[in-house]
Amino acid sequence: MKFDDMLKTRCDMLLPIFLVAFAGLGNTLSILPRQNMTAVPSAMTGVATFVDFPHQQNTVCGPVSGANGAFGAAAGSISPGLGPGGTCQGTIDMSVCDGQVPISAYVPPSCETNRCGQCYQVTNQGGRGGDASGVGQSIVVQIIDACPATNAWNFCKTDVPDLAQKCMDPGTNSLDIALEAYTGLTGQSYASVKPATGLVS
């Protein structure tokens, strides 16, 4: 079975829900892992940021988009509720930072692929700043990448003090969701409300 086919099959079988808050934009999300259809999964909460996957050269899982209409997402490597398999190598070493980004020779950490293909229903639970845009709207995401706490693209962002916005809070479930999903979750164009903090990685 090809890897892309495996992703499609796993996404069809899974039925999760993730209630999420948008970091920076201030929305909380509920997350339900789509396990098998016979069991009713319990919801978990978390924070969502947004990423432009097509501009990445690769992902931990290979593809740069989800399958069967699901949006791609990167799972926070230290998210407590997303299950095992998110471990990433590396350490937080500020000497590889050049301001808010890593130096040009930086090599990101490698990560396990056990979470690849997992799907979650993500529901907007409201913004961190009280923003109610899109509350209750849901999408389905498929894990296609990892968001490592030990990645310089996260820890170099010292101008973003909230660790949850950088997949670095061990007490928060973090999803870095494909930018294309923003409208589906909020009813707004990302370009019209893009935060000054540069949360798109």
N, C-alpha and C. Protein backbone atom coordinates (compact mmCIF):
# COMPACT_ATOMS: atom_id res chain seq x y z
N MET A 1 0.85 -1.18 0.00
CA MET A 1 0.00 0.00 0.00
C MET A 1 0.89 1.24 0.00
N LYS A 2 0.63 2.16 -0.91
CA LYS A 2 1.40 3.40 -0.95
C LYS A 2 1.08 4.24 0.28
N PHE A 3 2.04 5.10 0.66
CA PHE A 3 1.85 5.93 1.85
C PHE A 3 0.63 6.82 1.71
N ASP A 4 0.41 7.42 0.53
CA ASP A 4 -0.75 8.28 0.34
C ASP A 4 -2.05 7.50 0.53
N ASP A 5 -2.08 6.24 0.06
CA ASP A 5 -3.27 5.41 0.23
C ASP A 5 -3.50 5.10 1.70
N MET A 6 -2.41 4.86 2.43
CA MET A 6 -2.52 4.58 3.86
C MET A 6 -3.12 5.79 4.56
N LEU A 7 -2.70 7.00 4.19
CA LEU A 7 -3.24 8.20 4.80
C LEU A 7 -4.74 8.31 4.53
N LYS A 8 -5.14 8.04 3.30
CA LYS A 8 -6.56 8.14 2.97
C LYS A 8 -7.38 7.14 3.79
N THR A 9 -6.88 5.92 3.91
CA THR A 9 -7.60 4.89 4.65
C THR A 9 -7.71 5.28 6.12
N ARG A 10 -6.61 5.71 6.70
CA ARG A 10 -6.64 6.07 8.11
C ARG A 10 -7.57 7.24 8.35
N CYS A 11 -7.62 8.18 7.46
CA CYS A 11 -8.49 9.33 7.66
C CYS A 11 -9.95 8.92 7.56
N ASP A 12 -10.27 7.99 6.68
CA ASP A 12 -11.64 7.51 6.56
C ASP A 12 -12.08 6.78 7.82
N MET A 13 -11.17 6.07 8.46
CA MET A 13 -11.49 5.27 9.63
C MET A 13 -11.57 6.11 10.91
N LEU A 14 -10.90 7.22 10.95
CA LEU A 14 -10.81 8.00 12.17
C LEU A 14 -11.95 8.99 12.28
N LEU A 15 -12.30 9.34 13.50
CA LEU A 15 -13.38 10.30 13.71
C LEU A 15 -13.16 11.15 14.95
N PRO A 16 -12.05 11.97 15.04
CA PRO A 16 -11.74 12.76 16.22
C PRO A 16 -12.32 14.16 16.24
N ILE A 17 -12.31 14.77 17.41
CA ILE A 17 -12.72 16.16 17.55
C ILE A 17 -11.71 16.91 18.40
N PHE A 18 -11.31 18.05 17.95
CA PHE A 18 -10.32 18.87 18.64
C PHE A 18 -10.92 20.26 18.80
N LEU A 19 -11.14 20.70 20.01
CA LEU A 19 -11.68 22.04 20.24
C LEU A 19 -10.49 22.97 20.39
N VAL A 20 -10.35 23.93 19.51
CA VAL A 20 -9.12 24.70 19.47
C VAL A 20 -9.32 26.20 19.65
N ALA A 21 -8.32 26.82 20.26
CA ALA A 21 -8.26 28.27 20.36
C ALA A 21 -7.18 28.72 19.42
N PHE A 22 -7.44 29.74 18.65
CA PHE A 22 -6.43 30.23 17.72
C PHE A 22 -5.44 31.10 18.46
N ALA A 23 -4.20 30.66 18.46
CA ALA A 23 -3.15 31.42 19.11
C ALA A 23 -2.96 32.73 18.38
N GLY A 24 -2.75 33.77 19.12
CA GLY A 24 -2.50 35.06 18.51
C GLY A 24 -3.78 35.71 18.06
N LEU A 25 -4.63 34.95 17.40
CA LEU A 25 -5.90 35.47 16.98
C LEU A 25 -6.91 35.23 18.09
N GLY A 26 -6.54 34.36 19.01
CA GLY A 26 -7.31 34.14 20.21
C GLY A 26 -8.44 33.16 20.11
N ASN A 27 -8.32 32.06 19.43
CA ASN A 27 -9.42 31.11 19.40
C ASN A 27 -9.02 29.78 20.04
N THR A 28 -9.92 29.22 20.83
CA THR A 28 -9.70 27.92 21.46
C THR A 28 -10.41 26.88 20.63
N LEU A 29 -9.78 25.72 20.48
CA LEU A 29 -10.37 24.67 19.68
C LEU A 29 -10.67 23.45 20.53
N SER A 30 -11.68 22.71 20.12
CA SER A 30 -11.88 21.40 20.73
C SER A 30 -11.41 20.38 19.70
N ILE A 31 -10.77 19.33 20.19
CA ILE A 31 -10.18 18.34 19.30
C ILE A 31 -10.72 16.97 19.67
N LEU A 32 -11.25 16.26 18.71
CA LEU A 32 -11.67 14.89 18.92
C LEU A 32 -10.88 14.01 18.00
N PRO A 33 -10.04 13.13 18.52
CA PRO A 33 -9.32 12.21 17.64
C PRO A 33 -10.31 11.28 16.99
N ARG A 34 -10.25 11.12 15.73
CA ARG A 34 -11.17 10.22 15.05
C ARG A 34 -10.63 8.80 15.16
N GLN A 35 -10.98 8.13 16.21
CA GLN A 35 -10.56 6.74 16.40
C GLN A 35 -11.47 5.88 15.55
N ASN A 36 -11.92 4.74 16.04
CA ASN A 36 -12.83 3.98 15.19
C ASN A 36 -14.26 4.47 15.42
N MET A 37 -15.11 4.23 14.48
CA MET A 37 -16.44 4.79 14.48
C MET A 37 -17.33 4.21 15.58
N THR A 38 -16.98 3.05 16.13
CA THR A 38 -17.83 2.44 17.14
C THR A 38 -17.62 3.08 18.51
N ALA A 39 -16.46 3.65 18.74
CA ALA A 39 -16.19 4.28 20.03
C ALA A 39 -16.42 5.78 19.91
N VAL A 40 -16.98 6.37 20.94
CA VAL A 40 -17.18 7.81 20.93
C VAL A 40 -15.96 8.44 21.58
N PRO A 41 -15.15 9.16 20.81
CA PRO A 41 -13.94 9.74 21.37
C PRO A 41 -14.26 10.91 22.29
N SER A 42 -13.39 11.14 23.23
CA SER A 42 -13.61 12.28 24.11
C SER A 42 -12.92 13.50 23.52
N ALA A 43 -13.52 14.64 23.72
CA ALA A 43 -12.96 15.87 23.17
C ALA A 43 -11.80 16.35 24.02
N MET A 44 -10.85 16.99 23.40
CA MET A 44 -9.76 17.64 24.10
C MET A 44 -9.67 19.07 23.59
N THR A 45 -9.02 19.90 24.33
CA THR A 45 -8.87 21.29 23.90
C THR A 45 -7.43 21.55 23.50
N GLY A 46 -7.24 22.63 22.78
CA GLY A 46 -5.90 22.97 22.33
C GLY A 46 -5.85 24.33 21.68
N VAL A 47 -4.70 24.59 21.07
CA VAL A 47 -4.45 25.87 20.41
C VAL A 47 -4.05 25.59 18.97
N ALA A 48 -4.54 26.41 18.06
CA ALA A 48 -4.18 26.27 16.65
C ALA A 48 -3.40 27.48 16.17
N THR A 49 -2.36 27.20 15.41
CA THR A 49 -1.66 28.22 14.63
C THR A 49 -1.78 27.76 13.18
N PHE A 50 -1.27 28.54 12.25
CA PHE A 50 -1.46 28.22 10.84
C PHE A 50 -0.14 28.25 10.09
N VAL A 51 -0.01 27.34 9.12
CA VAL A 51 1.24 27.16 8.39
C VAL A 51 0.93 27.07 6.89
N ASP A 52 1.88 27.52 6.09
CA ASP A 52 1.76 27.48 4.63
C ASP A 52 2.51 26.25 4.12
N PHE A 53 1.89 25.06 4.21
CA PHE A 53 2.55 23.81 3.85
C PHE A 53 3.11 23.78 2.43
N PRO A 54 2.39 24.29 1.41
CA PRO A 54 2.94 24.21 0.06
C PRO A 54 4.31 24.87 -0.11
N HIS A 55 4.66 25.79 0.79
CA HIS A 55 5.96 26.44 0.68
C HIS A 55 7.06 25.69 1.44
N GLN A 56 6.70 24.59 2.10
CA GLN A 56 7.70 23.75 2.75
C GLN A 56 8.24 22.76 1.73
N GLN A 57 9.50 22.39 1.88
CA GLN A 57 10.08 21.42 0.96
C GLN A 57 9.60 20.00 1.26
N ASN A 58 9.33 19.72 2.53
CA ASN A 58 8.85 18.39 2.90
C ASN A 58 8.20 18.45 4.27
N THR A 59 7.59 17.34 4.66
CA THR A 59 7.00 17.21 5.98
C THR A 59 7.50 15.90 6.57
N VAL A 60 7.28 15.70 7.85
CA VAL A 60 7.69 14.46 8.51
C VAL A 60 7.04 13.25 7.83
N CYS A 61 5.79 13.41 7.41
CA CYS A 61 5.03 12.30 6.84
C CYS A 61 5.17 12.18 5.33
N GLY A 62 5.70 13.16 4.66
CA GLY A 62 5.87 13.11 3.21
C GLY A 62 4.99 14.09 2.46
N PRO A 63 3.64 13.87 2.45
CA PRO A 63 2.78 14.76 1.68
C PRO A 63 2.65 16.14 2.32
N VAL A 64 2.34 17.14 1.50
CA VAL A 64 2.16 18.50 2.02
C VAL A 64 0.70 18.91 2.06
N SER A 65 -0.20 17.93 1.99
CA SER A 65 -1.63 18.22 2.14
C SER A 65 -2.32 16.98 2.70
N GLY A 66 -3.50 17.20 3.28
CA GLY A 66 -4.28 16.07 3.79
C GLY A 66 -4.98 15.35 2.65
N ALA A 67 -5.62 14.22 2.95
CA ALA A 67 -6.32 13.43 1.95
C ALA A 67 -7.83 13.50 2.18
N ASN A 68 -8.59 13.19 1.12
CA ASN A 68 -10.05 13.10 1.21
C ASN A 68 -10.70 14.35 1.80
N GLY A 69 -10.21 15.51 1.43
CA GLY A 69 -10.82 16.75 1.88
C GLY A 69 -10.36 17.24 3.25
N ALA A 70 -9.51 16.49 3.91
CA ALA A 70 -8.98 16.93 5.21
C ALA A 70 -7.85 17.92 4.97
N PHE A 71 -7.74 18.89 5.85
CA PHE A 71 -6.64 19.85 5.78
C PHE A 71 -5.42 19.25 6.48
N GLY A 72 -4.24 19.53 5.97
CA GLY A 72 -3.02 19.06 6.62
C GLY A 72 -2.79 19.80 7.93
N ALA A 73 -2.15 19.13 8.87
CA ALA A 73 -1.82 19.75 10.16
C ALA A 73 -0.55 19.12 10.72
N ALA A 74 0.18 19.91 11.47
CA ALA A 74 1.35 19.43 12.19
C ALA A 74 0.96 19.31 13.66
N ALA A 75 1.24 18.15 14.26
CA ALA A 75 0.92 17.92 15.67
C ALA A 75 2.07 18.39 16.54
N GLY A 76 1.77 19.13 17.59
CA GLY A 76 2.80 19.56 18.53
C GLY A 76 3.48 18.34 19.13
N SER A 77 4.80 18.32 19.09
CA SER A 77 5.54 17.13 19.52
C SER A 77 5.37 16.81 21.00
N ILE A 78 5.05 17.81 21.81
CA ILE A 78 4.88 17.55 23.24
C ILE A 78 3.43 17.76 23.68
N SER A 79 2.49 17.71 22.73
CA SER A 79 1.06 17.83 23.07
C SER A 79 0.65 16.63 23.92
N PRO A 80 0.07 16.87 25.09
CA PRO A 80 -0.23 15.76 26.00
C PRO A 80 -1.36 14.84 25.59
N GLY A 81 -2.30 15.30 24.77
CA GLY A 81 -3.47 14.49 24.46
C GLY A 81 -3.46 13.83 23.10
N LEU A 82 -2.42 14.02 22.32
CA LEU A 82 -2.42 13.50 20.96
C LEU A 82 -1.83 12.10 20.85
N GLY A 83 -1.51 11.48 21.96
CA GLY A 83 -1.02 10.11 21.97
C GLY A 83 0.46 10.00 21.68
N PRO A 84 0.98 8.77 21.77
CA PRO A 84 2.41 8.53 21.58
C PRO A 84 2.82 8.72 20.13
N GLY A 85 4.11 8.81 19.92
CA GLY A 85 4.63 8.86 18.56
C GLY A 85 5.03 10.22 18.08
N GLY A 86 5.02 11.22 18.95
CA GLY A 86 5.35 12.56 18.51
C GLY A 86 6.76 13.01 18.86
N THR A 87 7.57 12.09 19.37
CA THR A 87 8.90 12.47 19.84
C THR A 87 9.77 12.99 18.71
N CYS A 88 10.44 14.11 18.98
CA CYS A 88 11.38 14.70 18.03
C CYS A 88 12.75 14.83 18.69
N GLN A 89 13.78 14.73 17.89
CA GLN A 89 15.15 14.88 18.38
C GLN A 89 15.44 16.37 18.57
N GLY A 90 16.64 16.68 19.02
CA GLY A 90 17.09 18.06 19.11
C GLY A 90 16.93 18.66 20.50
N THR A 91 17.54 19.82 20.66
CA THR A 91 17.47 20.57 21.91
C THR A 91 17.22 22.03 21.58
N ILE A 92 16.83 22.77 22.59
CA ILE A 92 16.65 24.22 22.40
C ILE A 92 18.02 24.86 22.57
N ASP A 93 18.55 25.36 21.47
CA ASP A 93 19.90 25.94 21.44
C ASP A 93 19.82 27.30 20.74
N MET A 94 19.75 28.34 21.54
CA MET A 94 19.56 29.69 20.99
C MET A 94 20.74 30.16 20.11
N SER A 95 21.87 29.44 20.14
CA SER A 95 23.01 29.84 19.30
C SER A 95 22.72 29.61 17.82
N VAL A 96 21.66 28.86 17.48
CA VAL A 96 21.31 28.65 16.08
C VAL A 96 20.30 29.69 15.58
N CYS A 97 19.98 30.65 16.43
CA CYS A 97 19.01 31.69 16.05
C CYS A 97 19.73 32.91 15.48
N ASP A 98 19.13 33.46 14.45
CA ASP A 98 19.59 34.72 13.87
C ASP A 98 18.38 35.66 13.97
N GLY A 99 18.25 36.29 15.13
CA GLY A 99 17.05 37.07 15.40
C GLY A 99 15.90 36.14 15.68
N GLN A 100 14.81 36.29 14.94
CA GLN A 100 13.59 35.49 15.14
C GLN A 100 13.54 34.22 14.30
N VAL A 101 14.57 33.97 13.51
CA VAL A 101 14.62 32.79 12.64
C VAL A 101 15.95 32.06 12.83
N PRO A 102 16.01 30.80 12.39
CA PRO A 102 17.28 30.07 12.50
C PRO A 102 18.30 30.55 11.48
N ILE A 103 19.57 30.25 11.76
CA ILE A 103 20.64 30.55 10.81
C ILE A 103 20.42 29.75 9.53
N SER A 104 21.02 30.16 8.43
CA SER A 104 20.76 29.52 7.13
C SER A 104 21.22 28.06 7.10
N ALA A 105 22.22 27.69 7.87
CA ALA A 105 22.73 26.31 7.86
C ALA A 105 21.96 25.40 8.82
N TYR A 106 20.90 25.90 9.45
CA TYR A 106 20.17 25.12 10.44
C TYR A 106 19.49 23.89 9.83
N VAL A 107 19.60 22.77 10.52
CA VAL A 107 18.94 21.52 10.11
C VAL A 107 17.90 21.20 11.17
N PRO A 108 16.61 21.14 10.81
CA PRO A 108 15.55 20.86 11.78
C PRO A 108 15.68 19.45 12.37
N PRO A 109 15.06 19.24 13.54
CA PRO A 109 15.14 17.92 14.16
C PRO A 109 14.31 16.87 13.41
N SER A 110 14.73 15.62 13.54
CA SER A 110 13.92 14.54 12.96
C SER A 110 12.89 14.11 13.99
N CYS A 111 11.76 13.61 13.51
CA CYS A 111 10.64 13.25 14.39
C CYS A 111 10.10 11.88 14.00
N GLU A 112 9.46 11.21 14.98
CA GLU A 112 8.79 9.94 14.72
C GLU A 112 7.60 10.18 13.79
N THR A 113 7.19 9.14 13.11
CA THR A 113 6.08 9.25 12.15
C THR A 113 4.82 8.52 12.61
N ASN A 114 4.77 8.07 13.85
CA ASN A 114 3.62 7.29 14.33
C ASN A 114 2.29 8.04 14.25
N ARG A 115 2.31 9.36 14.32
CA ARG A 115 1.06 10.13 14.27
C ARG A 115 0.60 10.42 12.85
N CYS A 116 1.44 10.12 11.87
CA CYS A 116 1.09 10.40 10.48
C CYS A 116 -0.22 9.73 10.10
N GLY A 117 -1.10 10.50 9.48
CA GLY A 117 -2.37 9.97 9.01
C GLY A 117 -3.51 10.06 9.99
N GLN A 118 -3.23 10.35 11.27
CA GLN A 118 -4.31 10.50 12.24
C GLN A 118 -5.17 11.69 11.83
N CYS A 119 -6.47 11.57 12.05
CA CYS A 119 -7.38 12.65 11.71
C CYS A 119 -8.11 13.16 12.94
N TYR A 120 -8.43 14.43 12.91
CA TYR A 120 -9.14 15.08 14.01
C TYR A 120 -10.19 16.01 13.45
N GLN A 121 -11.33 16.04 14.10
CA GLN A 121 -12.32 17.07 13.81
C GLN A 121 -11.99 18.23 14.73
N VAL A 122 -11.76 19.39 14.15
CA VAL A 122 -11.35 20.57 14.90
C VAL A 122 -12.51 21.55 14.91
N THR A 123 -12.91 21.99 16.10
CA THR A 123 -14.03 22.91 16.24
C THR A 123 -13.56 24.19 16.92
N ASN A 124 -13.89 25.31 16.33
CA ASN A 124 -13.53 26.62 16.86
C ASN A 124 -14.35 26.89 18.12
N GLN A 125 -13.66 27.13 19.24
CA GLN A 125 -14.33 27.38 20.51
C GLN A 125 -14.22 28.84 20.96
N GLY A 126 -13.73 29.68 20.07
CA GLY A 126 -13.66 31.10 20.41
C GLY A 126 -12.23 31.59 20.51
N GLY A 127 -12.06 32.88 20.35
CA GLY A 127 -10.74 33.48 20.31
C GLY A 127 -10.19 33.84 21.67
N ARG A 128 -8.88 33.90 21.73
CA ARG A 128 -8.20 34.26 22.97
C ARG A 128 -8.48 35.69 23.38
N GLY A 129 -8.67 36.55 22.46
CA GLY A 129 -8.96 37.94 22.80
C GLY A 129 -10.44 38.22 22.87
N GLY A 130 -11.25 37.17 22.99
CA GLY A 130 -12.69 37.34 23.02
C GLY A 130 -13.32 37.32 21.64
N ASP A 131 -12.52 37.06 20.60
CA ASP A 131 -13.04 37.02 19.23
C ASP A 131 -13.96 35.82 19.08
N ALA A 132 -15.19 36.06 18.65
CA ALA A 132 -16.17 34.98 18.50
C ALA A 132 -16.38 34.59 17.04
N SER A 133 -15.53 35.06 16.13
CA SER A 133 -15.69 34.75 14.71
C SER A 133 -15.60 33.25 14.48
N GLY A 134 -16.63 32.69 13.91
CA GLY A 134 -16.62 31.29 13.53
C GLY A 134 -16.80 30.29 14.65
N VAL A 135 -17.18 30.74 15.84
CA VAL A 135 -17.36 29.80 16.96
C VAL A 135 -18.33 28.70 16.55
N GLY A 136 -17.94 27.46 16.80
CA GLY A 136 -18.77 26.31 16.46
C GLY A 136 -18.49 25.71 15.10
N GLN A 137 -17.76 26.43 14.23
CA GLN A 137 -17.43 25.90 12.91
C GLN A 137 -16.34 24.84 13.07
N SER A 138 -16.47 23.78 12.25
CA SER A 138 -15.55 22.64 12.34
C SER A 138 -14.95 22.30 10.99
N ILE A 139 -13.77 21.69 11.04
CA ILE A 139 -13.09 21.13 9.87
C ILE A 139 -12.49 19.80 10.29
N VAL A 140 -12.00 19.03 9.33
CA VAL A 140 -11.25 17.82 9.62
C VAL A 140 -9.81 18.05 9.18
N VAL A 141 -8.87 17.70 10.07
CA VAL A 141 -7.45 17.80 9.73
C VAL A 141 -6.83 16.42 9.78
N GLN A 142 -5.76 16.25 9.01
CA GLN A 142 -5.00 15.01 9.01
C GLN A 142 -3.55 15.36 9.33
N ILE A 143 -2.96 14.60 10.25
CA ILE A 143 -1.58 14.87 10.65
C ILE A 143 -0.64 14.49 9.50
N ILE A 144 0.08 15.49 8.99
CA ILE A 144 1.04 15.27 7.91
C ILE A 144 2.44 15.73 8.32
N ASP A 145 2.55 16.30 9.53
CA ASP A 145 3.84 16.85 9.94
C ASP A 145 3.88 16.92 11.46
N ALA A 146 5.04 17.27 11.98
CA ALA A 146 5.22 17.48 13.42
C ALA A 146 5.57 18.94 13.64
N CYS A 147 5.22 19.44 14.80
CA CYS A 147 5.59 20.80 15.21
C CYS A 147 6.46 20.65 16.46
N PRO A 148 7.77 20.49 16.27
CA PRO A 148 8.65 20.19 17.40
C PRO A 148 8.95 21.39 18.29
N ALA A 149 8.88 21.16 19.58
CA ALA A 149 9.29 22.19 20.54
C ALA A 149 10.77 22.49 20.38
N THR A 150 11.52 21.53 19.84
CA THR A 150 12.97 21.67 19.67
C THR A 150 13.36 22.18 18.29
N ASN A 151 12.41 22.74 17.55
CA ASN A 151 12.70 23.28 16.23
C ASN A 151 12.99 24.78 16.36
N ALA A 152 14.10 25.22 15.81
CA ALA A 152 14.48 26.63 15.90
C ALA A 152 13.45 27.55 15.25
N TRP A 153 12.68 27.02 14.28
CA TRP A 153 11.63 27.86 13.69
C TRP A 153 10.57 28.20 14.72
N ASN A 154 10.54 27.45 15.83
CA ASN A 154 9.63 27.75 16.94
C ASN A 154 10.35 28.52 18.04
N PHE A 155 11.43 27.96 18.59
CA PHE A 155 12.03 28.58 19.77
C PHE A 155 12.78 29.88 19.50
N CYS A 156 13.13 30.17 18.25
CA CYS A 156 13.78 31.45 17.96
C CYS A 156 12.80 32.63 18.00
N LYS A 157 11.50 32.34 17.96
CA LYS A 157 10.48 33.40 17.95
C LYS A 157 10.31 33.98 19.35
N THR A 158 11.33 34.68 19.81
CA THR A 158 11.27 35.25 21.16
C THR A 158 10.27 36.40 21.26
N ASP A 159 9.84 36.96 20.13
CA ASP A 159 8.84 38.02 20.16
C ASP A 159 7.42 37.46 20.33
N VAL A 160 7.29 36.12 20.36
CA VAL A 160 6.02 35.45 20.63
C VAL A 160 6.17 34.79 22.01
N PRO A 161 5.75 35.49 23.06
CA PRO A 161 5.99 34.98 24.41
C PRO A 161 5.16 33.77 24.82
N ASP A 162 4.01 33.56 24.20
CA ASP A 162 3.13 32.46 24.56
C ASP A 162 3.68 31.15 24.00
N LEU A 163 4.15 30.26 24.88
CA LEU A 163 4.74 28.99 24.43
C LEU A 163 3.76 28.14 23.63
N ALA A 164 2.47 28.23 23.93
CA ALA A 164 1.47 27.44 23.21
C ALA A 164 1.42 27.83 21.73
N GLN A 165 1.77 29.06 21.41
CA GLN A 165 1.76 29.51 20.02
C GLN A 165 2.96 28.99 19.25
N LYS A 166 3.90 28.34 19.96
CA LYS A 166 5.12 27.84 19.32
C LYS A 166 5.28 26.34 19.52
N CYS A 167 4.20 25.63 19.84
CA CYS A 167 4.23 24.18 20.10
C CYS A 167 5.21 23.84 21.22
N MET A 168 5.39 24.75 22.18
CA MET A 168 6.39 24.56 23.22
C MET A 168 5.81 24.44 24.63
N ASP A 169 4.48 24.39 24.76
CA ASP A 169 3.86 24.27 26.08
C ASP A 169 3.47 22.82 26.32
N PRO A 170 4.13 22.12 27.26
CA PRO A 170 3.84 20.70 27.49
C PRO A 170 2.44 20.44 28.05
N GLY A 171 1.73 21.47 28.46
CA GLY A 171 0.38 21.30 28.99
C GLY A 171 -0.70 21.65 27.99
N THR A 172 -0.33 21.95 26.75
CA THR A 172 -1.30 22.38 25.74
C THR A 172 -1.20 21.51 24.49
N ASN A 173 -2.34 21.06 23.97
CA ASN A 173 -2.37 20.38 22.68
C ASN A 173 -2.25 21.43 21.59
N SER A 174 -1.29 21.25 20.70
CA SER A 174 -1.03 22.23 19.65
C SER A 174 -1.17 21.61 18.27
N LEU A 175 -1.88 22.30 17.40
CA LEU A 175 -1.96 21.92 15.99
C LEU A 175 -1.55 23.12 15.15
N ASP A 176 -0.64 22.90 14.22
CA ASP A 176 -0.26 23.91 13.25
C ASP A 176 -0.99 23.51 11.97
N ILE A 177 -2.08 24.19 11.67
CA ILE A 177 -3.02 23.77 10.62
C ILE A 177 -2.75 24.51 9.31
N ALA A 178 -3.01 23.84 8.20
CA ALA A 178 -2.84 24.45 6.87
C ALA A 178 -3.60 25.77 6.80
N LEU A 179 -2.94 26.76 6.28
CA LEU A 179 -3.49 28.10 6.16
C LEU A 179 -4.85 28.11 5.45
N GLU A 180 -5.03 27.19 4.50
CA GLU A 180 -6.28 27.13 3.73
C GLU A 180 -7.48 26.82 4.62
N ALA A 181 -7.25 26.27 5.81
CA ALA A 181 -8.35 25.90 6.72
C ALA A 181 -8.88 27.09 7.51
N TYR A 182 -8.16 28.19 7.50
CA TYR A 182 -8.53 29.33 8.35
C TYR A 182 -9.95 29.82 8.07
N THR A 183 -10.29 29.97 6.81
CA THR A 183 -11.62 30.47 6.45
C THR A 183 -12.71 29.52 6.92
N GLY A 184 -12.46 28.20 6.79
CA GLY A 184 -13.44 27.22 7.22
C GLY A 184 -13.70 27.24 8.72
N LEU A 185 -12.69 27.63 9.49
CA LEU A 185 -12.85 27.67 10.95
C LEU A 185 -13.38 29.00 11.47
N THR A 186 -13.15 30.07 10.73
CA THR A 186 -13.52 31.39 11.25
C THR A 186 -14.53 32.15 10.40
N GLY A 187 -14.68 31.74 9.15
CA GLY A 187 -15.55 32.48 8.25
C GLY A 187 -14.90 33.76 7.74
N GLN A 188 -13.60 33.93 8.01
CA GLN A 188 -12.87 35.11 7.58
C GLN A 188 -11.67 34.71 6.75
N SER A 189 -11.21 35.61 5.92
CA SER A 189 -9.98 35.40 5.18
C SER A 189 -8.80 35.65 6.10
N TYR A 190 -7.79 34.77 6.05
CA TYR A 190 -6.61 34.97 6.89
C TYR A 190 -5.93 36.29 6.56
N ALA A 191 -5.90 36.63 5.27
CA ALA A 191 -5.23 37.86 4.85
C ALA A 191 -5.86 39.09 5.49
N SER A 192 -7.16 39.03 5.78
CA SER A 192 -7.84 40.21 6.34
C SER A 192 -7.57 40.40 7.83
N VAL A 193 -7.09 39.35 8.51
CA VAL A 193 -6.89 39.45 9.96
C VAL A 193 -5.51 38.99 10.38
N LYS A 194 -4.60 38.82 9.43
CA LYS A 194 -3.27 38.27 9.72
C LYS A 194 -2.65 38.98 10.93
N PRO A 195 -2.26 38.19 11.95
CA PRO A 195 -1.68 38.80 13.14
C PRO A 195 -0.29 39.34 12.88
N ALA A 196 0.04 40.40 13.56
CA ALA A 196 1.37 41.01 13.40
C ALA A 196 2.47 40.12 13.93
N THR A 197 2.12 39.14 14.78
CA THR A 197 3.13 38.28 15.38
C THR A 197 3.71 37.26 14.41
N GLY A 198 3.15 37.14 13.22
CA GLY A 198 3.70 36.23 12.22
C GLY A 198 3.56 34.78 12.63
N LEU A 199 2.35 34.34 12.97
CA LEU A 199 2.17 32.99 13.45
C LEU A 199 2.22 31.95 12.35
N VAL A 200 2.18 32.36 11.11
CA VAL A 200 2.33 31.39 10.03
C VAL A 200 3.79 31.00 9.97
N SER A 201 4.04 29.71 10.08
CA SER A 201 5.44 29.26 10.07
C SER A 201 5.83 28.76 8.72
